Structures are given as structure tokens and as C-alpha cells.
N, C-alpha and C. Protein backbone atom coordinates (compact mmCIF):
# COMPACT_ATOMS: atom_id res chain seq x y z
N MET A 1 97.77 74.68 104.06
CA MET A 1 99.16 75.10 103.95
C MET A 1 99.52 76.09 105.06
N LEU A 2 98.63 77.08 105.26
CA LEU A 2 98.89 78.08 106.29
C LEU A 2 98.93 77.45 107.68
N ALA A 3 98.03 76.50 107.91
CA ALA A 3 98.00 75.81 109.21
C ALA A 3 99.30 75.04 109.44
N ALA A 4 99.85 74.47 108.37
CA ALA A 4 101.11 73.73 108.51
C ALA A 4 102.26 74.67 108.86
N LEU A 5 102.23 75.90 108.32
CA LEU A 5 103.29 76.86 108.62
C LEU A 5 103.17 77.40 110.05
N GLN A 6 101.94 77.48 110.56
CA GLN A 6 101.74 78.06 111.88
C GLN A 6 101.85 77.05 113.01
N THR A 7 102.08 75.81 112.70
CA THR A 7 102.20 74.79 113.73
C THR A 7 103.37 75.13 114.65
N GLY A 8 103.13 75.13 115.92
CA GLY A 8 104.19 75.40 116.88
C GLY A 8 104.32 76.87 117.23
N PHE A 9 103.60 77.76 116.56
CA PHE A 9 103.67 79.18 116.85
C PHE A 9 102.41 79.62 117.59
N ARG A 10 102.60 80.37 118.63
CA ARG A 10 101.45 80.93 119.33
C ARG A 10 100.97 82.15 118.57
N PRO A 11 99.67 82.40 118.55
CA PRO A 11 99.19 83.62 117.89
C PRO A 11 99.66 84.85 118.67
N ARG A 12 99.93 85.91 117.96
CA ARG A 12 100.40 87.14 118.57
C ARG A 12 99.27 87.78 119.38
N GLU A 13 99.61 88.24 120.56
CA GLU A 13 98.62 88.86 121.43
C GLU A 13 98.18 90.19 120.84
N GLU A 14 96.93 90.52 121.05
CA GLU A 14 96.37 91.76 120.51
C GLU A 14 97.05 92.97 121.14
N ARG A 15 97.39 93.94 120.30
CA ARG A 15 97.96 95.20 120.77
C ARG A 15 96.88 96.25 120.75
N ILE A 16 96.87 97.11 121.75
CA ILE A 16 95.92 98.21 121.80
C ILE A 16 96.70 99.48 121.49
N THR A 17 96.28 100.18 120.43
CA THR A 17 96.97 101.39 120.00
C THR A 17 96.58 102.55 120.92
N VAL A 18 97.58 103.23 121.43
CA VAL A 18 97.38 104.34 122.35
C VAL A 18 98.44 105.41 122.05
N LEU A 19 98.28 106.57 122.62
CA LEU A 19 99.31 107.62 122.63
C LEU A 19 99.39 108.13 124.06
N ILE A 20 100.32 107.58 124.83
CA ILE A 20 100.42 107.90 126.25
C ILE A 20 101.81 108.49 126.53
N PRO A 21 101.88 109.80 126.78
CA PRO A 21 103.17 110.39 127.15
C PRO A 21 103.59 109.91 128.53
N SER A 22 104.86 109.56 128.67
CA SER A 22 105.37 109.00 129.92
C SER A 22 106.82 109.44 130.10
N ARG A 23 107.43 108.97 131.18
CA ARG A 23 108.84 109.20 131.44
C ARG A 23 109.54 107.85 131.49
N MET A 24 110.79 107.81 131.01
CA MET A 24 111.53 106.56 130.99
C MET A 24 112.91 106.79 131.63
N ARG A 25 113.33 105.80 132.40
CA ARG A 25 114.66 105.84 133.00
C ARG A 25 115.46 104.68 132.46
N VAL A 26 116.61 105.02 131.87
CA VAL A 26 117.58 104.02 131.42
C VAL A 26 118.85 104.33 132.20
N GLU A 27 119.28 103.37 133.01
CA GLU A 27 120.38 103.57 133.95
C GLU A 27 120.04 104.75 134.84
N SER A 28 120.75 105.86 134.75
CA SER A 28 120.43 107.00 135.62
C SER A 28 119.85 108.17 134.83
N GLN A 29 119.57 107.97 133.56
CA GLN A 29 119.08 109.04 132.70
C GLN A 29 117.56 108.96 132.55
N TRP A 30 116.88 110.09 132.67
CA TRP A 30 115.44 110.18 132.45
C TRP A 30 115.18 110.89 131.14
N CYS A 31 114.15 110.44 130.41
CA CYS A 31 113.77 111.11 129.17
C CYS A 31 112.28 110.93 128.94
N ASP A 32 111.73 111.77 128.06
CA ASP A 32 110.32 111.66 127.70
C ASP A 32 110.16 110.55 126.68
N VAL A 33 109.04 109.83 126.78
CA VAL A 33 108.75 108.73 125.89
C VAL A 33 107.24 108.72 125.65
N VAL A 34 106.82 108.26 124.48
CA VAL A 34 105.39 108.13 124.18
C VAL A 34 105.11 106.66 123.89
N ILE A 35 104.17 106.08 124.64
CA ILE A 35 103.79 104.68 124.43
C ILE A 35 102.79 104.66 123.27
N HIS A 36 103.09 103.82 122.25
CA HIS A 36 102.25 103.76 121.05
C HIS A 36 101.29 102.58 121.04
N ASN A 37 101.70 101.44 121.58
CA ASN A 37 100.75 100.34 121.72
C ASN A 37 101.13 99.50 122.92
N VAL A 38 100.12 98.79 123.46
CA VAL A 38 100.30 98.06 124.71
C VAL A 38 99.64 96.70 124.58
N SER A 39 100.29 95.69 125.13
CA SER A 39 99.67 94.38 125.32
C SER A 39 99.87 94.02 126.79
N SER A 40 99.40 92.85 127.20
CA SER A 40 99.51 92.51 128.62
C SER A 40 100.94 92.18 129.03
N ARG A 41 101.84 91.92 128.06
CA ARG A 41 103.21 91.55 128.40
C ARG A 41 104.26 92.53 127.87
N GLY A 42 103.85 93.61 127.25
CA GLY A 42 104.85 94.54 126.75
C GLY A 42 104.23 95.74 126.09
N LEU A 43 105.10 96.54 125.49
CA LEU A 43 104.63 97.75 124.84
C LEU A 43 105.62 98.19 123.77
N MET A 44 105.15 99.07 122.88
CA MET A 44 106.02 99.72 121.91
C MET A 44 105.98 101.21 122.22
N ALA A 45 107.13 101.82 122.27
CA ALA A 45 107.21 103.23 122.60
C ALA A 45 108.19 103.92 121.67
N GLY A 46 108.15 105.23 121.68
CA GLY A 46 109.05 106.02 120.86
C GLY A 46 109.66 107.14 121.67
N CYS A 47 110.92 107.45 121.36
CA CYS A 47 111.60 108.56 122.01
C CYS A 47 112.75 109.00 121.10
N ASP A 48 113.41 110.09 121.47
CA ASP A 48 114.49 110.62 120.63
C ASP A 48 115.67 109.67 120.55
N THR A 49 116.04 109.08 121.67
CA THR A 49 117.16 108.12 121.69
C THR A 49 116.70 106.83 122.34
N PRO A 50 116.26 105.86 121.52
CA PRO A 50 115.76 104.61 122.11
C PRO A 50 116.88 103.83 122.78
N PRO A 51 116.54 103.09 123.84
CA PRO A 51 117.56 102.32 124.55
C PRO A 51 118.06 101.15 123.71
N ALA A 52 119.22 100.65 124.05
CA ALA A 52 119.83 99.53 123.33
C ALA A 52 119.08 98.24 123.63
N VAL A 53 119.12 97.32 122.66
CA VAL A 53 118.49 96.01 122.85
C VAL A 53 119.16 95.31 124.02
N GLY A 54 118.35 94.73 124.90
CA GLY A 54 118.86 94.02 126.06
C GLY A 54 118.94 94.87 127.31
N SER A 55 118.80 96.18 127.18
CA SER A 55 118.90 97.02 128.37
C SER A 55 117.58 97.01 129.13
N TYR A 56 117.68 97.23 130.43
CA TYR A 56 116.50 97.27 131.28
C TYR A 56 116.08 98.72 131.46
N VAL A 57 114.77 98.96 131.34
CA VAL A 57 114.25 100.32 131.46
C VAL A 57 113.09 100.34 132.45
N GLU A 58 112.83 101.54 132.92
CA GLU A 58 111.70 101.77 133.82
C GLU A 58 110.87 102.88 133.20
N ILE A 59 109.59 102.62 132.97
CA ILE A 59 108.69 103.62 132.40
C ILE A 59 107.66 103.96 133.46
N ARG A 60 107.45 105.26 133.65
CA ARG A 60 106.50 105.73 134.66
C ARG A 60 105.41 106.55 134.00
N ARG A 61 104.19 106.23 134.39
CA ARG A 61 103.01 107.00 133.98
C ARG A 61 102.18 107.19 135.23
N GLY A 62 102.16 108.40 135.76
CA GLY A 62 101.45 108.64 137.00
C GLY A 62 102.06 107.82 138.11
N THR A 63 101.26 106.99 138.75
CA THR A 63 101.76 106.15 139.83
C THR A 63 102.16 104.75 139.35
N ILE A 64 101.95 104.47 138.06
CA ILE A 64 102.28 103.15 137.51
C ILE A 64 103.74 103.12 137.10
N VAL A 65 104.43 102.08 137.50
CA VAL A 65 105.84 101.88 137.14
C VAL A 65 105.92 100.56 136.38
N ILE A 66 106.50 100.61 135.17
CA ILE A 66 106.67 99.41 134.34
C ILE A 66 108.16 99.17 134.18
N VAL A 67 108.60 97.99 134.59
CA VAL A 67 110.00 97.62 134.44
C VAL A 67 110.06 96.51 133.40
N GLY A 68 111.00 96.63 132.49
CA GLY A 68 111.11 95.61 131.45
C GLY A 68 112.42 95.66 130.72
N ARG A 69 112.54 94.76 129.75
CA ARG A 69 113.77 94.64 128.97
C ARG A 69 113.46 94.97 127.51
N VAL A 70 114.33 95.74 126.87
CA VAL A 70 114.15 96.13 125.48
C VAL A 70 114.44 94.92 124.59
N GLN A 71 113.47 94.57 123.74
CA GLN A 71 113.59 93.41 122.85
C GLN A 71 114.07 93.81 121.46
N TRP A 72 113.71 95.02 121.01
CA TRP A 72 114.11 95.49 119.68
C TRP A 72 114.06 97.00 119.66
N ASN A 73 114.80 97.59 118.73
CA ASN A 73 114.66 99.02 118.47
C ASN A 73 114.91 99.28 116.99
N LYS A 74 114.21 100.25 116.47
CA LYS A 74 114.34 100.62 115.06
C LYS A 74 113.97 102.08 114.94
N GLY A 75 114.90 102.89 114.47
CA GLY A 75 114.65 104.32 114.37
C GLY A 75 114.40 104.91 115.74
N ARG A 76 113.27 105.58 115.88
CA ARG A 76 112.90 106.20 117.16
C ARG A 76 112.08 105.28 118.06
N PHE A 77 111.76 104.08 117.58
CA PHE A 77 110.86 103.20 118.32
C PHE A 77 111.59 102.01 118.92
N PHE A 78 111.00 101.46 119.97
CA PHE A 78 111.55 100.27 120.59
C PHE A 78 110.41 99.46 121.20
N GLY A 79 110.65 98.16 121.32
CA GLY A 79 109.68 97.27 121.93
C GLY A 79 110.24 96.75 123.24
N MET A 80 109.40 96.69 124.24
CA MET A 80 109.84 96.30 125.57
C MET A 80 108.94 95.19 126.09
N ARG A 81 109.53 94.16 126.66
CA ARG A 81 108.78 93.09 127.33
C ARG A 81 108.81 93.40 128.82
N SER A 82 107.64 93.48 129.43
CA SER A 82 107.57 93.89 130.82
C SER A 82 107.88 92.73 131.77
N GLN A 83 108.36 93.09 132.92
CA GLN A 83 108.70 92.11 133.94
C GLN A 83 107.43 91.47 134.49
N ASP A 84 106.39 92.28 134.69
CA ASP A 84 105.11 91.81 135.21
C ASP A 84 104.03 92.03 134.16
N ARG A 85 102.89 91.39 134.37
CA ARG A 85 101.77 91.59 133.46
C ARG A 85 101.27 93.02 133.60
N LEU A 86 100.88 93.61 132.46
CA LEU A 86 100.39 94.98 132.45
C LEU A 86 98.87 95.00 132.44
N SER A 87 98.30 95.90 133.18
CA SER A 87 96.87 96.16 133.08
C SER A 87 96.71 97.29 132.07
N VAL A 88 96.28 96.93 130.88
CA VAL A 88 96.18 97.91 129.80
C VAL A 88 95.19 99.00 130.18
N LYS A 89 94.07 98.63 130.76
CA LYS A 89 93.05 99.61 131.14
C LYS A 89 93.59 100.57 132.20
N ALA A 90 94.30 100.05 133.19
CA ALA A 90 94.86 100.92 134.24
C ALA A 90 95.86 101.90 133.65
N LEU A 91 96.68 101.44 132.70
CA LEU A 91 97.67 102.31 132.08
C LEU A 91 97.00 103.41 131.27
N ILE A 92 95.94 103.06 130.55
CA ILE A 92 95.24 104.05 129.74
C ILE A 92 94.53 105.06 130.63
N ASP A 93 93.91 104.58 131.70
CA ASP A 93 93.12 105.46 132.57
C ASP A 93 93.96 106.28 133.55
N GLU A 94 95.22 105.92 133.73
CA GLU A 94 96.08 106.58 134.72
C GLU A 94 96.40 108.01 134.27
N PRO A 95 96.06 109.02 135.08
CA PRO A 95 96.41 110.39 134.71
C PRO A 95 97.90 110.64 134.96
N ARG A 96 98.46 111.50 134.17
CA ARG A 96 99.86 111.86 134.37
C ARG A 96 99.95 112.84 135.51
N LEU A 97 100.93 112.65 136.35
CA LEU A 97 101.11 113.57 137.47
C LEU A 97 101.56 114.92 136.96
N ALA A 98 101.05 115.99 137.58
CA ALA A 98 101.41 117.34 137.16
C ALA A 98 102.86 117.65 137.51
N SER A 99 103.37 116.98 138.51
CA SER A 99 104.77 117.17 138.90
C SER A 99 105.28 115.86 139.45
N ARG A 100 106.54 115.81 139.69
CA ARG A 100 107.13 114.62 140.28
C ARG A 100 106.56 114.39 141.67
N PRO A 101 106.50 113.14 142.10
CA PRO A 101 106.02 112.90 143.47
C PRO A 101 106.91 113.63 144.47
N ALA A 102 106.28 114.22 145.47
CA ALA A 102 107.04 114.99 146.46
C ALA A 102 107.86 114.06 147.34
N ARG A 103 109.10 114.45 147.56
CA ARG A 103 109.96 113.71 148.47
C ARG A 103 109.64 114.16 149.88
N SER A 104 110.07 113.40 150.85
CA SER A 104 109.76 113.76 152.24
C SER A 104 110.43 115.06 152.65
N ASN A 105 111.58 115.38 152.04
CA ASN A 105 112.28 116.62 152.40
C ASN A 105 112.04 117.73 151.39
N ASP A 106 111.09 117.53 150.44
CA ASP A 106 110.84 118.51 149.39
C ASP A 106 109.63 119.35 149.79
N SER A 107 109.82 120.65 149.89
CA SER A 107 108.73 121.54 150.30
C SER A 107 107.92 122.02 149.11
N GLY A 108 108.31 121.70 147.89
CA GLY A 108 107.58 122.14 146.70
C GLY A 108 108.29 123.31 146.05
N ASN A 109 108.22 123.37 144.76
CA ASN A 109 108.92 124.41 144.03
C ASN A 109 107.97 124.96 142.98
N ALA A 110 107.72 126.26 143.01
CA ALA A 110 106.79 126.89 142.08
C ALA A 110 107.30 126.79 140.64
N GLU A 111 108.61 126.88 140.45
CA GLU A 111 109.18 126.78 139.10
C GLU A 111 108.93 125.40 138.51
N GLN A 112 109.09 124.36 139.31
CA GLN A 112 108.81 123.00 138.84
C GLN A 112 107.35 122.86 138.45
N ASP A 113 106.45 123.43 139.25
CA ASP A 113 105.03 123.36 138.95
C ASP A 113 104.71 124.06 137.63
N ARG A 114 105.31 125.24 137.42
CA ARG A 114 105.09 125.97 136.16
C ARG A 114 105.60 125.17 134.98
N ARG A 115 106.80 124.58 135.11
CA ARG A 115 107.34 123.77 134.02
C ARG A 115 106.46 122.55 133.76
N ALA A 116 105.96 121.94 134.82
CA ALA A 116 105.09 120.77 134.66
C ALA A 116 103.80 121.17 133.95
N GLU A 117 103.24 122.32 134.32
CA GLU A 117 102.02 122.79 133.66
C GLU A 117 102.28 123.09 132.18
N ARG A 118 103.41 123.72 131.87
CA ARG A 118 103.75 124.01 130.47
C ARG A 118 103.95 122.71 129.70
N ARG A 119 104.60 121.73 130.33
CA ARG A 119 104.82 120.45 129.66
C ARG A 119 103.49 119.76 129.39
N LEU A 120 102.59 119.76 130.37
CA LEU A 120 101.29 119.14 130.17
C LEU A 120 100.49 119.87 129.10
N ALA A 121 100.55 121.20 129.09
CA ALA A 121 99.85 121.96 128.05
C ALA A 121 100.42 121.65 126.68
N HIS A 122 101.75 121.55 126.60
CA HIS A 122 102.39 121.22 125.32
C HIS A 122 102.00 119.82 124.86
N GLU A 123 101.98 118.87 125.79
CA GLU A 123 101.60 117.50 125.42
C GLU A 123 100.15 117.44 124.98
N ALA A 124 99.28 118.19 125.64
CA ALA A 124 97.87 118.21 125.23
C ALA A 124 97.74 118.81 123.84
N GLN A 125 98.50 119.87 123.57
CA GLN A 125 98.48 120.48 122.24
C GLN A 125 98.98 119.49 121.18
N MET A 126 100.05 118.78 121.48
CA MET A 126 100.59 117.80 120.53
C MET A 126 99.59 116.66 120.32
N ALA A 127 98.93 116.21 121.37
CA ALA A 127 97.93 115.14 121.23
C ALA A 127 96.77 115.60 120.36
N ARG A 128 96.33 116.87 120.54
CA ARG A 128 95.26 117.40 119.67
C ARG A 128 95.73 117.49 118.23
N GLN A 129 96.97 117.91 118.02
CA GLN A 129 97.50 118.01 116.66
C GLN A 129 97.60 116.63 116.01
N VAL A 130 98.04 115.63 116.77
CA VAL A 130 98.11 114.26 116.25
C VAL A 130 96.72 113.77 115.87
N GLU A 131 95.74 114.06 116.72
CA GLU A 131 94.37 113.62 116.44
C GLU A 131 93.81 114.33 115.21
N ARG A 132 94.07 115.63 115.05
CA ARG A 132 93.63 116.35 113.85
C ARG A 132 94.29 115.78 112.61
N SER A 133 95.58 115.49 112.68
CA SER A 133 96.28 114.91 111.55
C SER A 133 95.72 113.54 111.20
N ARG A 134 95.43 112.75 112.22
CA ARG A 134 94.87 111.42 111.98
C ARG A 134 93.50 111.51 111.34
N SER A 135 92.64 112.43 111.81
CA SER A 135 91.30 112.56 111.22
C SER A 135 91.39 113.10 109.80
N PHE A 136 92.30 114.05 109.54
CA PHE A 136 92.48 114.55 108.17
C PHE A 136 92.95 113.43 107.25
N ALA A 137 93.90 112.62 107.71
CA ALA A 137 94.39 111.51 106.88
C ALA A 137 93.28 110.51 106.61
N SER A 138 92.46 110.25 107.61
CA SER A 138 91.35 109.32 107.42
C SER A 138 90.35 109.86 106.41
N MET A 139 90.02 111.15 106.52
CA MET A 139 89.09 111.76 105.57
C MET A 139 89.69 111.78 104.17
N PHE A 140 90.95 112.11 104.04
CA PHE A 140 91.61 112.14 102.73
C PHE A 140 91.62 110.75 102.11
N GLN A 141 91.92 109.74 102.91
CA GLN A 141 91.92 108.36 102.42
C GLN A 141 90.52 107.96 101.94
N PHE A 142 89.49 108.33 102.69
CA PHE A 142 88.13 108.03 102.29
C PHE A 142 87.79 108.69 100.96
N LEU A 143 88.14 109.98 100.80
CA LEU A 143 87.86 110.69 99.56
C LEU A 143 88.59 110.07 98.37
N VAL A 144 89.83 109.68 98.57
CA VAL A 144 90.59 109.04 97.49
C VAL A 144 89.93 107.72 97.09
N LEU A 145 89.52 106.93 98.06
CA LEU A 145 88.86 105.66 97.76
C LEU A 145 87.53 105.88 97.04
N VAL A 146 86.78 106.91 97.43
CA VAL A 146 85.53 107.21 96.74
C VAL A 146 85.81 107.62 95.31
N LEU A 147 86.79 108.48 95.08
CA LEU A 147 87.13 108.91 93.72
C LEU A 147 87.60 107.73 92.87
N VAL A 148 88.40 106.86 93.42
CA VAL A 148 88.86 105.68 92.68
C VAL A 148 87.67 104.79 92.35
N GLY A 149 86.76 104.60 93.30
CA GLY A 149 85.57 103.78 93.08
C GLY A 149 84.69 104.36 92.00
N LEU A 150 84.46 105.69 92.04
CA LEU A 150 83.65 106.33 91.01
C LEU A 150 84.31 106.25 89.64
N THR A 151 85.61 106.40 89.59
CA THR A 151 86.33 106.30 88.32
C THR A 151 86.20 104.89 87.74
N LEU A 152 86.41 103.87 88.59
CA LEU A 152 86.29 102.49 88.13
C LEU A 152 84.86 102.18 87.70
N ALA A 153 83.86 102.71 88.42
CA ALA A 153 82.46 102.50 88.03
C ALA A 153 82.17 103.15 86.69
N GLY A 154 82.72 104.35 86.45
CA GLY A 154 82.54 105.02 85.16
C GLY A 154 83.18 104.25 84.03
N ILE A 155 84.37 103.74 84.25
CA ILE A 155 85.06 102.94 83.22
C ILE A 155 84.27 101.67 82.93
N ALA A 156 83.77 101.01 83.97
CA ALA A 156 82.99 99.79 83.77
C ALA A 156 81.70 100.09 83.03
N ALA A 157 81.00 101.18 83.37
CA ALA A 157 79.76 101.55 82.69
C ALA A 157 80.02 101.86 81.22
N HIS A 158 81.10 102.56 80.93
CA HIS A 158 81.46 102.88 79.54
C HIS A 158 81.76 101.60 78.75
N SER A 159 82.47 100.67 79.35
CA SER A 159 82.78 99.40 78.68
C SER A 159 81.51 98.59 78.40
N VAL A 160 80.63 98.50 79.37
CA VAL A 160 79.38 97.76 79.19
C VAL A 160 78.53 98.43 78.11
N TYR A 161 78.46 99.76 78.11
CA TYR A 161 77.71 100.48 77.08
C TYR A 161 78.29 100.20 75.70
N GLY A 162 79.60 100.22 75.59
CA GLY A 162 80.23 99.93 74.29
C GLY A 162 79.96 98.52 73.82
N MET A 163 79.99 97.57 74.74
CA MET A 163 79.75 96.17 74.36
C MET A 163 78.30 95.94 73.96
N LEU A 164 77.35 96.59 74.60
CA LEU A 164 75.94 96.35 74.32
C LEU A 164 75.37 97.24 73.22
N SER A 165 76.02 98.37 72.92
CA SER A 165 75.47 99.28 71.92
C SER A 165 75.60 98.73 70.50
N ALA A 166 76.68 98.02 70.18
CA ALA A 166 76.85 97.49 68.82
C ALA A 166 75.78 96.46 68.49
N PRO A 167 75.50 95.45 69.31
CA PRO A 167 74.41 94.52 68.99
C PRO A 167 73.04 95.20 68.98
N ALA A 168 72.85 96.18 69.87
CA ALA A 168 71.57 96.89 69.89
C ALA A 168 71.36 97.66 68.61
N GLN A 169 72.42 98.25 68.05
CA GLN A 169 72.31 98.98 66.78
C GLN A 169 72.02 98.02 65.63
N GLN A 170 72.61 96.83 65.65
CA GLN A 170 72.33 95.85 64.62
C GLN A 170 70.88 95.38 64.68
N ILE A 171 70.36 95.17 65.87
CA ILE A 171 68.97 94.75 66.03
C ILE A 171 68.03 95.86 65.56
N GLU A 172 68.36 97.11 65.90
CA GLU A 172 67.54 98.24 65.49
C GLU A 172 67.54 98.37 63.97
N ALA A 173 68.71 98.21 63.36
CA ALA A 173 68.80 98.31 61.90
C ALA A 173 68.03 97.17 61.23
N ALA A 174 68.08 95.98 61.79
CA ALA A 174 67.34 94.84 61.21
C ALA A 174 65.83 95.05 61.32
N LEU A 175 65.37 95.68 62.39
CA LEU A 175 63.94 95.93 62.55
C LEU A 175 63.43 97.02 61.63
N LYS A 176 64.27 97.98 61.25
CA LYS A 176 63.87 99.07 60.37
C LYS A 176 63.79 98.63 58.92
N THR A 177 64.59 97.70 58.48
CA THR A 177 64.57 97.24 57.07
C THR A 177 63.45 96.24 56.88
N PRO A 178 62.57 96.46 55.83
CA PRO A 178 61.48 95.54 55.59
C PRO A 178 61.87 94.28 54.88
């Protein structure tokens, strides 16, 4: 039955879950964006104001530039299909630039460097907080599952004891009477 329903549909490509802070340009506006998962043909990202469906966006991470079209958006998240194939490994391994690439007429600005360092420190702090929250949630989920398992095992043991104790008492009583 399932095979009949899937006829004509290609299997969905594997997504790799990541948390990659990046910059996004929609028209002439730049904003911060976090990439949440990546495949070879697209990505899912989140930002405060996701772009409209059908709009073209440019996402930059270090020296990597991804151009694509927004396929869907919901809440703070949106999905984008890239113009070119993505190298997932290159995107994950690409370090974020501490500042914007220098223009030929730009001599450098200490204030920009300080802001970039503060932004990177803040992003690192947020990434550590996300990881701590994820590990706490994983540990809490494990403990809940263990408690549920122990409770179910106790209930099952009590039921089996109740079912077997009545016949055992009858057998014991029959053996005691001459």
C-alpha cells in the first residue's frame, strides 16, 4: 500500500541539522539569519522577519555566498532552494568573518572591528546556551523515559504476582491438608 502511494515521488534528500549564524540580503536590506538545516539543494533558516515566498535572497557565511529563492515561510523560519548545488561540508567548515570584507577604498575601522568581536562573542555565547539547553532536554527526556519504563515494569510485576499468587496459594493449601 505504501509503495503504491509513493509511486512517482522522489525520496526527500537528507537534511543535515546545523546552527550556522550568517547574514542575509533581501533586496537591499541585510539582516542576521541562522541556518538550521542544509541539503545539497537548499536550506532552512530562521530570522526575525523571514522573506516572502518567491523572493530571491543572498546568504553569506564567510566567503561562501548562497543565492536562492524562498519556497516557504512559517513563523520565524523559511525554506530556500539554492540556485547552485551546496557543499554542506564547506558551509559547515567555513569560519565566519570577523568583519565585512575590506573594500579597496576602506582603510579599516576600529569601531567596526569591536562591534564584530562583540557580535561573534554574543553568537558564541548563544550557541553555548543552545547546546546546554539541548543537552539538558536530552537528559530530561532520558530520565522521563527511564521513570516511565520503571513504572510500567513495576505495574507488570505486580500484575504477574497477583495472577500467580492465587493458584500458588491454592496449591500450598492443598498440599497442607492430608
